[in-house]
Structure formats: C-alpha cells, structure tokens
Amino acid sequence: MTRDPAAPPSPGPSSDAAPPSTPDAPAPAAQSVISKRPPWMRRLHAWLRKTPLNPYWLDMRHLDEAVRQLAPHASGLMFDVGVGERPYGAVFAPHVRRYLGLEYPPVVFGNLNPDLWNYIHVVHGIIDVFGDGHELPLRDASVDTVLSLEVLEHVPDPDRCVAETARVLRPGGRFLMTVPMVSPLHQLPFDFRRFTPNGLRELMERHGLEVEEVRPRGNVASAAGSVLSHYFLRHWAAKVRKHDGSVVMSRWRGVLTMPIVFLTQSLFFVAEKFAKDDALCLGYSVVARKR
C-alpha cells in the first residue's frame, strides 16, 4: 500500500524520527477544546452559539464568514494545525482532496488528566495526529494547503510555526489563517499575543510566503458591540473567573444579563452596517502563497 506523502514516519526501533517536541512549553491549559458534553447539551450549545444570547455571537458570525471566504483558496491535501473540534470540515470538504487535522495534546486533554485515554473515542475521526505546530510531523513540500484558524496567538514562537508551515507547503501552496484582534484572554496559559495587518505581512514574508490578501473581520461597531457584551458577561454575570480565562456565570445574574447581551449585540449588528472604519476590528484573515 502506498503511504500518503504527508504521513508522519512510522514509529519504531528502525525509525530515526524523533517525536514532536514542545520546547519551553507553558503549563497545560485547564479546559479542553474537545467537548465532552452529553449530546443534548451539545445540541443546545450549538443552537445558543448561533443567537445573540452568546456573547461571542458577533465575533462568531464574522469568523464563520471569513472561513467561507477562505475555503475556495484551499485545494488538494489540506493540513489543519489546531483542528479543535473540526467545526468547518463541511465548509472545506468540496475544495480539498483530503483533510488532515493536528492538535496539541495538552489543549485537548486539559491538565493531562491521567484518565485522558478514556476520552480517545471522543477525538476519533476529528484529530488525525497529535503534535506541535513548532515541529510539524510532515515531510518537506508534502501538502497543498495549511489551515490555521485562531491558532497563531496561542503559540510561543509564531516565527517557528510559520517557518514550519512554509517548509511543508508545496511551491504554490497556500497558508490560510485567521487571528483575533479584539478578544478576551482565552485558553490560558496559551494566549500570547495579537497581530496587526502589517505584522502579519512581515511575518509571512520573512518565511517566503507571499501575502495575497489580508481581510479585517468586522469593523469598529463590531468590536464595540463585542467588548460591551463581554463587559456585561464578565462584570455583571460572572461569578468567578477560571484560570483558563473563561468565567462561570451566576445563575440569577446570568438570567438577568443575557437579555441585555442579546439587545446589545442586536443593536451593534445593525450599527456595523453603517460603520466604515475597520482600524478597530475583531480580527483578520490571511491568504498567503508559497513562492
């Protein structure tokens, strides 16, 4: 059987390939990106995510649109660095021949719980390989597209990650990515920075990637609505802030606050239709091509 050219070397005594390393890795995050909720709760969460009751609704609307705009740039064999729950698999499926996803184990399994192997069935079919974006387990020039959605702010060394992306891309291959700009700290301690358009261009060009487009997500009204919604969530509704950056809502304050969040986001959803200034926005999407 012919092995896929992007497949990592087989482990074993005869292999001289070392496992991906995590130099100077910070302490693991407290909360996994893979949901272990029961099915009914996942369905409820998915429904709430699509309504202005979700304080991230404005941001998620623009992220979903950014991903739909990125998808036609994907082709061939695509490698998703930071695949999470593979939320956009169906969006990219018509454009790629094969979709492989990598995730960093401490992010998936939280605090490296000794029972983590009990959750392997949860990630089966979602994550194809565990590894580190600083040292991708792929051969040189082995993939056509690298995808990285809301990941680069979470890596200690973005230059090394982009260099690895350039290494594994075939000539003419594309790096598709999104990063936040206005966003609360999240998935701590793995939240290190925010990027500007010029910073993103310089980062790509340092590693031989030609930037074809940088698009803002939303505008000043989108950012203002998002910040105000998080003010209500974190100042009024929150009972305690967890050490990963997320908050636990008070039951009664949460019930009182959610309608305010709903109205706030609905108002700024309308306001962003009239706002033109995107110097302050929710984030950026990038299409870069390997020369």
C-alpha atoms as a PDB file:
ATOM      1  CA  MET A   1       0.000   0.000   0.000  1.00  0.00           C
ATOM      2  CA  THR A   2       1.337   3.454  -0.900  1.00  0.00           C
ATOM      3  CA  ARG A   3       1.728   5.765   2.092  1.00  0.00           C
ATOM      4  CA  ASP A   4       0.419   9.311   1.893  1.00  0.00           C
ATOM      5  CA  PRO A   5       3.416  11.647   1.384  1.00  0.00           C
ATOM      6  CA  ALA A   6       2.243  13.753   4.304  1.00  0.00           C
ATOM      7  CA  ALA A   7       2.030  10.872   6.726  1.00  0.00           C
ATOM      8  CA  PRO A   8       4.453  11.043   9.648  1.00  0.00           C
ATOM      9  CA  PRO A   9       7.234   8.459   9.782  1.00  0.00           C
ATOM     10  CA  SER A  10       6.214   5.203  11.387  1.00  0.00           C
ATOM     11  CA  PRO A  11       7.476   4.925  14.953  1.00  0.00           C
ATOM     12  CA  GLY A  12       9.652   2.014  15.912  1.00  0.00           C
ATOM     13  CA  PRO A  13      13.225   0.940  16.568  1.00  0.00           C
ATOM     14  CA  SER A  14      14.206   1.399  12.927  1.00  0.00           C
ATOM     15  CA  SER A  15      12.891   4.958  12.667  1.00  0.00           C
ATOM     16  CA  ASP A  16      15.256   7.834  13.313  1.00  0.00           C
ATOM     17  CA  ALA A  17      12.384  10.312  13.563  1.00  0.00           C
ATOM     18  CA  ALA A  18      12.034  11.982  16.934  1.00  0.00           C
ATOM     19  CA  PRO A  19       8.567  12.745  18.317  1.00  0.00           C
ATOM     20  CA  PRO A  20       7.459  16.384  18.098  1.00  0.00           C
ATOM     21  CA  SER A  21       8.949  18.405  20.927  1.00  0.00           C
ATOM     22  CA  THR A  22       7.442  21.229  22.921  1.00  0.00           C
ATOM     23  CA  PRO A  23      10.365  23.440  23.921  1.00  0.00           C
ATOM     24  CA  ASP A  24       9.715  25.732  26.835  1.00  0.00           C
ATOM     25  CA  ALA A  25       6.048  24.756  26.782  1.00  0.00           C
ATOM     26  CA  PRO A  26       3.940  26.515  29.441  1.00  0.00           C
ATOM     27  CA  ALA A  27       1.782  24.667  31.904  1.00  0.00           C
ATOM     28  CA  PRO A  28      -1.191  22.892  30.312  1.00  0.00           C
ATOM     29  CA  ALA A  29      -4.495  24.673  29.925  1.00  0.00           C
ATOM     30  CA  ALA A  30      -7.351  23.828  32.248  1.00  0.00           C
ATOM     31  CA  GLN A  31     -10.072  23.303  29.677  1.00  0.00           C
ATOM     32  CA  SER A  32     -10.066  21.065  26.634  1.00  0.00           C
ATOM     33  CA  VAL A  33     -11.096  22.320  23.204  1.00  0.00           C
ATOM     34  CA  ILE A  34     -12.849  18.978  22.655  1.00  0.00           C
ATOM     35  CA  SER A  35     -16.318  18.922  24.173  1.00  0.00           C
ATOM     36  CA  LYS A  36     -17.252  16.041  26.474  1.00  0.00           C
ATOM     37  CA  ARG A  37     -20.819  17.316  26.986  1.00  0.00           C
ATOM     38  CA  PRO A  38     -23.726  14.879  26.525  1.00  0.00           C
ATOM     39  CA  PRO A  39     -25.376  15.033  23.062  1.00  0.00           C
ATOM     40  CA  TRP A  40     -28.434  17.036  24.162  1.00  0.00           C
ATOM     41  CA  MET A  41     -26.223  19.670  25.764  1.00  0.00           C
ATOM     42  CA  ARG A  42     -24.039  19.877  22.642  1.00  0.00           C
ATOM     43  CA  ARG A  43     -27.157  20.486  20.544  1.00  0.00           C
ATOM     44  CA  LEU A  44     -28.369  23.180  22.924  1.00  0.00           C
ATOM     45  CA  HIS A  45     -24.921  24.786  22.978  1.00  0.00           C
ATOM     46  CA  ALA A  46     -24.782  24.726  19.155  1.00  0.00           C
ATOM     47  CA  TRP A  47     -28.175  26.464  18.970  1.00  0.00           C
ATOM     48  CA  LEU A  48     -27.267  29.121  21.556  1.00  0.00           C
ATOM     49  CA  ARG A  49     -23.972  29.764  19.756  1.00  0.00           C
ATOM     50  CA  LYS A  50     -25.931  30.971  16.742  1.00  0.00           C
ATOM     51  CA  THR A  51     -28.010  33.531  18.656  1.00  0.00           C
ATOM     52  CA  PRO A  52     -27.172  36.956  20.180  1.00  0.00           C
ATOM     53  CA  LEU A  53     -27.540  35.322  23.603  1.00  0.00           C
ATOM     54  CA  ASN A  54     -23.991  34.082  23.029  1.00  0.00           C
ATOM     55  CA  PRO A  55     -21.574  36.926  23.994  1.00  0.00           C
ATOM     56  CA  TYR A  56     -19.313  35.740  21.153  1.00  0.00           C
ATOM     57  CA  TRP A  57     -22.119  35.903  18.564  1.00  0.00           C
ATOM     58  CA  LEU A  58     -20.844  38.969  16.708  1.00  0.00           C
ATOM     59  CA  ASP A  59     -17.342  37.526  16.554  1.00  0.00           C
ATOM     60  CA  MET A  60     -18.502  34.052  15.519  1.00  0.00           C
ATOM     61  CA  ARG A  61     -20.677  35.454  12.721  1.00  0.00           C
ATOM     62  CA  HIS A  62     -17.675  37.219  11.236  1.00  0.00           C
ATOM     63  CA  LEU A  63     -15.375  34.240  11.801  1.00  0.00           C
ATOM     64  CA  ASP A  64     -17.835  31.943  10.014  1.00  0.00           C
ATOM     65  CA  GLU A  65     -17.985  34.368   7.082  1.00  0.00           C
ATOM     66  CA  ALA A  66     -14.175  34.681   6.998  1.00  0.00           C
ATOM     67  CA  VAL A  67     -13.827  30.890   6.831  1.00  0.00           C
ATOM     68  CA  ARG A  68     -16.355  30.671   3.994  1.00  0.00           C
ATOM     69  CA  GLN A  69     -14.282  33.250   2.096  1.00  0.00           C
ATOM     70  CA  LEU A  70     -11.071  31.297   2.741  1.00  0.00           C
ATOM     71  CA  ALA A  71     -12.453  27.917   1.670  1.00  0.00           C
ATOM     72  CA  PRO A  72     -12.239  28.414  -2.134  1.00  0.00           C
ATOM     73  CA  HIS A  73      -8.483  29.066  -1.744  1.00  0.00           C
ATOM     74  CA  ALA A  74      -7.985  25.544  -0.327  1.00  0.00           C
ATOM     75  CA  SER A  75      -7.031  22.634  -2.567  1.00  0.00           C
ATOM     76  CA  GLY A  76      -5.524  19.160  -2.649  1.00  0.00           C
ATOM     77  CA  LEU A  77      -4.231  17.802   0.639  1.00  0.00           C
ATOM     78  CA  MET A  78      -5.030  20.214   3.484  1.00  0.00           C
ATOM     79  CA  PHE A  79      -3.407  20.074   6.915  1.00  0.00           C
ATOM     80  CA  ASP A  80      -5.265  21.867   9.723  1.00  0.00           C
ATOM     81  CA  VAL A  81      -2.917  22.956  12.515  1.00  0.00           C
ATOM     82  CA  GLY A  82      -5.086  23.329  15.620  1.00  0.00           C
ATOM     83  CA  VAL A  83      -8.094  21.420  14.304  1.00  0.00           C
ATOM     84  CA  GLY A  84     -10.033  21.544  17.598  1.00  0.00           C
ATOM     85  CA  GLU A  85     -13.470  20.010  17.020  1.00  0.00           C
ATOM     86  CA  ARG A  86     -13.095  20.356  13.220  1.00  0.00           C
ATOM     87  CA  PRO A  87     -16.006  22.837  13.135  1.00  0.00           C
ATOM     88  CA  TYR A  88     -15.536  23.801   9.478  1.00  0.00           C
ATOM     89  CA  GLY A  89     -14.910  20.387   7.968  1.00  0.00           C
ATOM     90  CA  ALA A  90     -18.036  20.591   5.811  1.00  0.00           C
ATOM     91  CA  VAL A  91     -17.059  24.059   4.542  1.00  0.00           C
ATOM     92  CA  PHE A  92     -13.703  22.864   3.179  1.00  0.00           C
ATOM     93  CA  ALA A  93     -14.799  19.389   2.028  1.00  0.00           C
ATOM     94  CA  PRO A  94     -15.848  20.457  -1.511  1.00  0.00           C
ATOM     95  CA  HIS A  95     -12.489  22.154  -2.113  1.00  0.00           C
ATOM     96  CA  VAL A  96      -9.925  19.617  -0.879  1.00  0.00           C
ATOM     97  CA  ARG A  97      -8.984  16.049  -1.707  1.00  0.00           C
ATOM     98  CA  ARG A  98      -8.139  15.145   1.873  1.00  0.00           C
ATOM     99  CA  TYR A  99      -8.407  16.966   5.212  1.00  0.00           C
ATOM    100  CA  LEU A 100      -5.940  16.060   7.982  1.00  0.00           C
ATOM    101  CA  GLY A 101      -6.105  17.657  11.425  1.00  0.00           C
ATOM    102  CA  LEU A 102      -3.426  18.139  14.088  1.00  0.00           C
ATOM    103  CA  GLU A 103      -3.972  19.153  17.697  1.00  0.00           C
ATOM    104  CA  TYR A 104      -1.660  19.835  20.630  1.00  0.00           C
ATOM    105  CA  PRO A 105      -2.371  17.191  23.319  1.00  0.00           C
ATOM    106  CA  PRO A 106      -2.373  19.458  26.423  1.00  0.00           C
ATOM    107  CA  VAL A 107      -5.020  21.642  24.792  1.00  0.00           C
ATOM    108  CA  VAL A 108      -7.220  18.642  24.009  1.00  0.00           C
ATOM    109  CA  PHE A 109      -6.931  16.848  27.307  1.00  0.00           C
ATOM    110  CA  GLY A 110      -6.769  19.780  29.701  1.00  0.00           C
ATOM    111  CA  ASN A 111      -4.389  19.264  32.590  1.00  0.00           C
ATOM    112  CA  LEU A 112      -3.072  15.962  31.230  1.00  0.00           C
ATOM    113  CA  ASN A 113      -5.646  14.109  33.289  1.00  0.00           C
ATOM    114  CA  PRO A 114      -4.439  10.553  33.989  1.00  0.00           C
ATOM    115  CA  ASP A 115      -7.819   9.383  32.630  1.00  0.00           C
ATOM    116  CA  LEU A 116      -7.198  11.050  29.258  1.00  0.00           C
ATOM    117  CA  TRP A 117      -7.179   7.692  27.465  1.00  0.00           C
ATOM    118  CA  ASN A 118     -10.847   7.327  28.412  1.00  0.00           C
ATOM    119  CA  TYR A 119     -11.545  10.226  26.041  1.00  0.00           C
ATOM    120  CA  ILE A 120      -9.737   8.901  22.964  1.00  0.00           C
ATOM    121  CA  HIS A 121     -13.097   7.835  21.486  1.00  0.00           C
ATOM    122  CA  VAL A 122     -14.241  11.473  21.650  1.00  0.00           C
ATOM    123  CA  VAL A 123     -11.495  12.686  19.303  1.00  0.00           C
ATOM    124  CA  HIS A 124     -11.582   9.697  16.940  1.00  0.00           C
ATOM    125  CA  GLY A 125     -12.454  10.962  13.474  1.00  0.00           C
ATOM    126  CA  ILE A 126     -11.728  14.579  14.445  1.00  0.00           C
ATOM    127  CA  ILE A 127      -7.992  14.618  15.152  1.00  0.00           C
ATOM    128  CA  ASP A 128      -5.702  12.643  12.850  1.00  0.00           C
ATOM    129  CA  VAL A 129      -2.394  13.339  14.575  1.00  0.00           C
ATOM    130  CA  PHE A 130      -1.188  14.849  17.832  1.00  0.00           C
ATOM    131  CA  GLY A 131       1.778  17.171  17.607  1.00  0.00           C
ATOM    132  CA  ASP A 132       3.229  20.639  17.973  1.00  0.00           C
ATOM    133  CA  GLY A 133       2.952  23.480  15.469  1.00  0.00           C
ATOM    134  CA  HIS A 134       6.614  24.300  16.116  1.00  0.00           C
ATOM    135  CA  GLU A 135       7.644  20.928  14.634  1.00  0.00           C
ATOM    136  CA  LEU A 136       5.084  19.567  12.196  1.00  0.00           C
ATOM    137  CA  PRO A 137       5.250  15.781  11.670  1.00  0.00           C
ATOM    138  CA  LEU A 138       5.245  16.143   7.864  1.00  0.00           C
ATOM    139  CA  ARG A 139       7.791  15.844   5.094  1.00  0.00           C
ATOM    140  CA  ASP A 140       9.031  18.893   3.201  1.00  0.00           C
ATOM    141  CA  ALA A 141       6.709  20.116   0.426  1.00  0.00           C
ATOM    142  CA  SER A 142       4.073  17.472   1.206  1.00  0.00           C
ATOM    143  CA  VAL A 143       0.774  19.402   1.431  1.00  0.00           C
ATOM    144  CA  ASP A 144      -1.117  21.821  -0.796  1.00  0.00           C
ATOM    145  CA  THR A 145      -2.870  23.842   1.922  1.00  0.00           C
ATOM    146  CA  VAL A 146      -2.174  24.599   5.567  1.00  0.00           C
ATOM    147  CA  LEU A 147      -5.116  25.880   7.622  1.00  0.00           C
ATOM    148  CA  SER A 148      -4.740  27.684  10.946  1.00  0.00           C
ATOM    149  CA  LEU A 149      -7.904  29.177  12.460  1.00  0.00           C
ATOM    150  CA  GLU A 150      -7.476  31.285  15.609  1.00  0.00           C
ATOM    151  CA  VAL A 151      -4.251  29.458  16.474  1.00  0.00           C
ATOM    152  CA  LEU A 152      -1.234  31.718  15.934  1.00  0.00           C
ATOM    153  CA  GLU A 153      -1.961  33.827  19.030  1.00  0.00           C
ATOM    154  CA  HIS A 154      -1.648  30.637  21.093  1.00  0.00           C
ATOM    155  CA  VAL A 155       1.883  29.583  20.098  1.00  0.00           C
ATOM    156  CA  PRO A 156       5.006  30.751  21.963  1.00  0.00           C
ATOM    157  CA  ASP A 157       7.060  31.176  18.755  1.00  0.00           C
ATOM    158  CA  PRO A 158       4.959  32.272  15.725  1.00  0.00           C
ATOM    159  CA  ASP A 159       8.078  32.600  13.526  1.00  0.00           C
ATOM    160  CA  ARG A 160       8.949  28.977  14.045  1.00  0.00           C
ATOM    161  CA  CYS A 161       5.380  27.884  13.315  1.00  0.00           C
ATOM    162  CA  VAL A 162       5.189  29.900  10.096  1.00  0.00           C
ATOM    163  CA  ALA A 163       8.609  28.574   9.069  1.00  0.00           C
ATOM    164  CA  GLU A 164       7.287  25.036   9.575  1.00  0.00           C
ATOM    165  CA  THR A 165       4.209  25.888   7.527  1.00  0.00           C
ATOM    166  CA  ALA A 166       6.397  27.153   4.680  1.00  0.00           C
ATOM    167  CA  ARG A 167       8.539  24.011   4.909  1.00  0.00           C
ATOM    168  CA  VAL A 168       5.647  21.557   4.486  1.00  0.00           C
ATOM    169  CA  LEU A 169       3.821  23.522   1.765  1.00  0.00           C
ATOM    170  CA  ARG A 170       4.431  22.629  -1.850  1.00  0.00           C
ATOM    171  CA  PRO A 171       5.503  25.506  -4.136  1.00  0.00           C
ATOM    172  CA  GLY A 172       2.346  27.451  -4.961  1.00  0.00           C
ATOM    173  CA  GLY A 173       0.576  26.003  -1.913  1.00  0.00           C
ATOM    174  CA  ARG A 174      -1.431  28.299   0.326  1.00  0.00           C
ATOM    175  CA  PHE A 175      -1.463  29.130   4.012  1.00  0.00           C
ATOM    176  CA  LEU A 176      -4.983  30.090   5.129  1.00  0.00           C
ATOM    177  CA  MET A 177      -5.341  31.565   8.584  1.00  0.00           C
ATOM    178  CA  THR A 178      -7.375  33.737  10.928  1.00  0.00           C
ATOM    179  CA  VAL A 179      -6.282  35.538  14.089  1.00  0.00           C
ATOM    180  CA  PRO A 180      -8.215  37.633  16.618  1.00  0.00           C
ATOM    181  CA  MET A 181      -7.591  41.293  17.326  1.00  0.00           C
ATOM    182  CA  VAL A 182     -10.255  42.350  19.848  1.00  0.00           C
ATOM    183  CA  SER A 183     -10.800  39.308  22.036  1.00  0.00           C
ATOM    184  CA  PRO A 184     -10.687  38.448  25.748  1.00  0.00           C
ATOM    185  CA  LEU A 185      -7.812  36.354  27.027  1.00  0.00           C
ATOM    186  CA  HIS A 186      -8.744  32.731  26.433  1.00  0.00           C
ATOM    187  CA  GLN A 187      -7.345  29.200  26.736  1.00  0.00           C
ATOM    188  CA  LEU A 188      -4.798  30.450  29.230  1.00  0.00           C
ATOM    189  CA  PRO A 189      -1.898  29.996  29.644  1.00  0.00           C
ATOM    190  CA  PHE A 190      -1.780  29.538  25.848  1.00  0.00           C
ATOM    191  CA  ASP A 191      -2.692  33.098  24.841  1.00  0.00           C
ATOM    192  CA  PHE A 192       0.404  35.118  23.977  1.00  0.00           C
ATOM    193  CA  ARG A 193      -0.314  37.972  21.524  1.00  0.00           C
ATOM    194  CA  ARG A 194      -2.477  39.813  18.978  1.00  0.00           C
ATOM    195  CA  PHE A 195      -1.471  40.690  15.390  1.00  0.00           C
ATOM    196  CA  THR A 196      -1.877  43.750  13.138  1.00  0.00           C
ATOM    197  CA  PRO A 197      -2.107  43.546   9.312  1.00  0.00           C
ATOM    198  CA  ASN A 198       1.446  44.848   8.864  1.00  0.00           C
ATOM    199  CA  GLY A 199       2.729  42.451  11.495  1.00  0.00           C
ATOM    200  CA  LEU A 200       1.076  39.543   9.689  1.00  0.00           C
ATOM    201  CA  ARG A 201       2.526  40.588   6.329  1.00  0.00           C
ATOM    202  CA  GLU A 202       6.047  40.849   7.720  1.00  0.00           C
ATOM    203  CA  LEU A 203       5.717  37.505   9.479  1.00  0.00           C
ATOM    204  CA  MET A 204       4.633  35.743   6.284  1.00  0.00           C
ATOM    205  CA  GLU A 205       7.242  37.409   4.070  1.00  0.00           C
ATOM    206  CA  ARG A 206      10.099  36.529   6.435  1.00  0.00           C
ATOM    207  CA  HIS A 207       9.453  32.885   5.627  1.00  0.00           C
ATOM    208  CA  GLY A 208       8.971  33.059   1.871  1.00  0.00           C
ATOM    209  CA  LEU A 209       5.182  33.378   1.832  1.00  0.00           C
ATOM    210  CA  GLU A 210       3.625  35.960  -0.461  1.00  0.00           C
ATOM    211  CA  VAL A 211       0.544  37.579   1.102  1.00  0.00           C
ATOM    212  CA  GLU A 212      -2.318  37.645  -1.386  1.00  0.00           C
ATOM    213  CA  GLU A 213      -4.898  39.189   0.931  1.00  0.00           C
ATOM    214  CA  VAL A 214      -5.463  40.344   4.500  1.00  0.00           C
ATOM    215  CA  ARG A 215      -9.097  40.986   5.396  1.00  0.00           C
ATOM    216  CA  PRO A 216     -10.476  42.549   8.575  1.00  0.00           C
ATOM    217  CA  ARG A 217     -13.279  40.777  10.415  1.00  0.00           C
ATOM    218  CA  GLY A 218     -15.971  43.335  11.088  1.00  0.00           C
ATOM    219  CA  ASN A 219     -15.332  46.972  11.928  1.00  0.00           C
ATOM    220  CA  VAL A 220     -15.362  49.436  14.797  1.00  0.00           C
ATOM    221  CA  ALA A 221     -19.050  48.778  15.532  1.00  0.00           C
ATOM    222  CA  SER A 222     -18.488  45.010  15.600  1.00  0.00           C
ATOM    223  CA  ALA A 223     -15.589  45.452  18.031  1.00  0.00           C
ATOM    224  CA  ALA A 224     -17.535  47.871  20.240  1.00  0.00           C
ATOM    225  CA  GLY A 225     -20.521  45.530  20.424  1.00  0.00           C
ATOM    226  CA  SER A 226     -18.302  42.592  21.287  1.00  0.00           C
ATOM    227  CA  VAL A 227     -16.435  44.469  24.029  1.00  0.00           C
ATOM    228  CA  LEU A 228     -19.666  45.788  25.569  1.00  0.00           C
ATOM    229  CA  SER A 229     -21.208  42.305  25.550  1.00  0.00           C
ATOM    230  CA  HIS A 230     -18.166  40.911  27.328  1.00  0.00           C
ATOM    231  CA  TYR A 231     -18.370  43.741  29.858  1.00  0.00           C
ATOM    232  CA  PHE A 232     -21.896  42.641  30.763  1.00  0.00           C
ATOM    233  CA  LEU A 233     -20.864  38.987  30.829  1.00  0.00           C
ATOM    234  CA  ARG A 234     -17.659  39.339  32.814  1.00  0.00           C
ATOM    235  CA  HIS A 235     -18.571  42.233  35.132  1.00  0.00           C
ATOM    236  CA  TRP A 236     -22.267  41.652  35.759  1.00  0.00           C
ATOM    237  CA  ALA A 237     -22.967  37.982  35.128  1.00  0.00           C
ATOM    238  CA  ALA A 238     -19.733  36.267  36.129  1.00  0.00           C
ATOM    239  CA  LYS A 239     -19.485  34.552  39.482  1.00  0.00           C
ATOM    240  CA  VAL A 240     -15.841  33.549  39.199  1.00  0.00           C
ATOM    241  CA  ARG A 241     -13.071  33.756  36.616  1.00  0.00           C
ATOM    242  CA  LYS A 242     -11.340  30.460  35.953  1.00  0.00           C
ATOM    243  CA  HIS A 243      -7.596  30.316  35.436  1.00  0.00           C
ATOM    244  CA  ASP A 244      -8.031  29.494  31.728  1.00  0.00           C
ATOM    245  CA  GLY A 245      -9.668  32.917  31.226  1.00  0.00           C
ATOM    246  CA  SER A 246     -13.266  31.729  30.987  1.00  0.00           C
ATOM    247  CA  VAL A 247     -15.918  32.665  33.541  1.00  0.00           C
ATOM    248  CA  VAL A 248     -18.621  30.834  35.455  1.00  0.00           C
ATOM    249  CA  MET A 249     -21.898  32.724  35.443  1.00  0.00           C
ATOM    250  CA  SER A 250     -24.048  33.350  38.460  1.00  0.00           C
ATOM    251  CA  ARG A 251     -27.423  31.721  37.855  1.00  0.00           C
ATOM    252  CA  TRP A 252     -29.598  34.692  38.702  1.00  0.00           C
ATOM    253  CA  ARG A 253     -27.266  37.382  37.362  1.00  0.00           C
ATOM    254  CA  GLY A 254     -26.763  35.352  34.188  1.00  0.00           C
ATOM    255  CA  VAL A 255     -30.514  35.144  33.601  1.00  0.00           C
ATOM    256  CA  LEU A 256     -30.813  38.912  34.056  1.00  0.00           C
ATOM    257  CA  THR A 257     -27.787  39.720  31.919  1.00  0.00           C
ATOM    258  CA  MET A 258     -28.382  37.533  28.865  1.00  0.00           C
ATOM    259  CA  PRO A 259     -31.290  39.662  27.538  1.00  0.00           C
ATOM    260  CA  ILE A 260     -29.005  42.728  27.801  1.00  0.00           C
ATOM    261  CA  VAL A 261     -26.298  40.875  25.868  1.00  0.00           C
ATOM    262  CA  PHE A 262     -28.920  39.921  23.278  1.00  0.00           C
ATOM    263  CA  LEU A 263     -30.089  43.526  22.835  1.00  0.00           C
ATOM    264  CA  THR A 264     -26.534  44.903  22.791  1.00  0.00           C
ATOM    265  CA  GLN A 265     -25.353  42.571  20.053  1.00  0.00           C
ATOM    266  CA  SER A 266     -28.533  43.042  18.038  1.00  0.00           C
ATOM    267  CA  LEU A 267     -28.064  46.830  18.186  1.00  0.00           C
ATOM    268  CA  PHE A 268     -24.421  46.689  17.102  1.00  0.00           C
ATOM    269  CA  PHE A 269     -25.275  44.144  14.406  1.00  0.00           C
ATOM    270  CA  VAL A 270     -27.348  46.918  12.831  1.00  0.00           C
ATOM    271  CA  ALA A 271     -24.750  49.620  13.627  1.00  0.00           C
ATOM    272  CA  GLU A 272     -21.957  47.750  11.852  1.00  0.00           C
ATOM    273  CA  LYS A 273     -23.895  48.025   8.587  1.00  0.00           C
ATOM    274  CA  PHE A 274     -23.297  51.784   8.687  1.00  0.00           C
ATOM    275  CA  ALA A 275     -19.784  51.819  10.148  1.00  0.00           C
ATOM    276  CA  LYS A 276     -16.909  52.145   7.677  1.00  0.00           C
ATOM    277  CA  ASP A 277     -13.839  52.278   9.918  1.00  0.00           C
ATOM    278  CA  ASP A 278     -12.075  48.902  10.311  1.00  0.00           C
ATOM    279  CA  ALA A 279      -8.935  50.195  12.058  1.00  0.00           C
ATOM    280  CA  LEU A 280     -10.507  48.574  15.117  1.00  0.00           C
ATOM    281  CA  CYS A 281     -11.973  45.189  14.271  1.00  0.00           C
ATOM    282  CA  LEU A 282     -12.487  41.699  15.641  1.00  0.00           C
ATOM    283  CA  GLY A 283      -9.628  40.030  13.788  1.00  0.00           C
ATOM    284  CA  TYR A 284      -8.075  39.248  10.419  1.00  0.00           C
ATOM    285  CA  SER A 285      -7.999  36.503   7.804  1.00  0.00           C
ATOM    286  CA  VAL A 286      -4.951  35.905   5.611  1.00  0.00           C
ATOM    287  CA  VAL A 287      -4.252  34.109   2.349  1.00  0.00           C
ATOM    288  CA  ALA A 288      -0.528  33.595   1.688  1.00  0.00           C
ATOM    289  CA  ARG A 289       1.126  31.600  -1.097  1.00  0.00           C
ATOM    290  CA  LYS A 290       4.466  29.814  -1.022  1.00  0.00           C
ATOM    291  CA  ARG A 291       6.705  31.211  -3.715  1.00  0.00           C
END
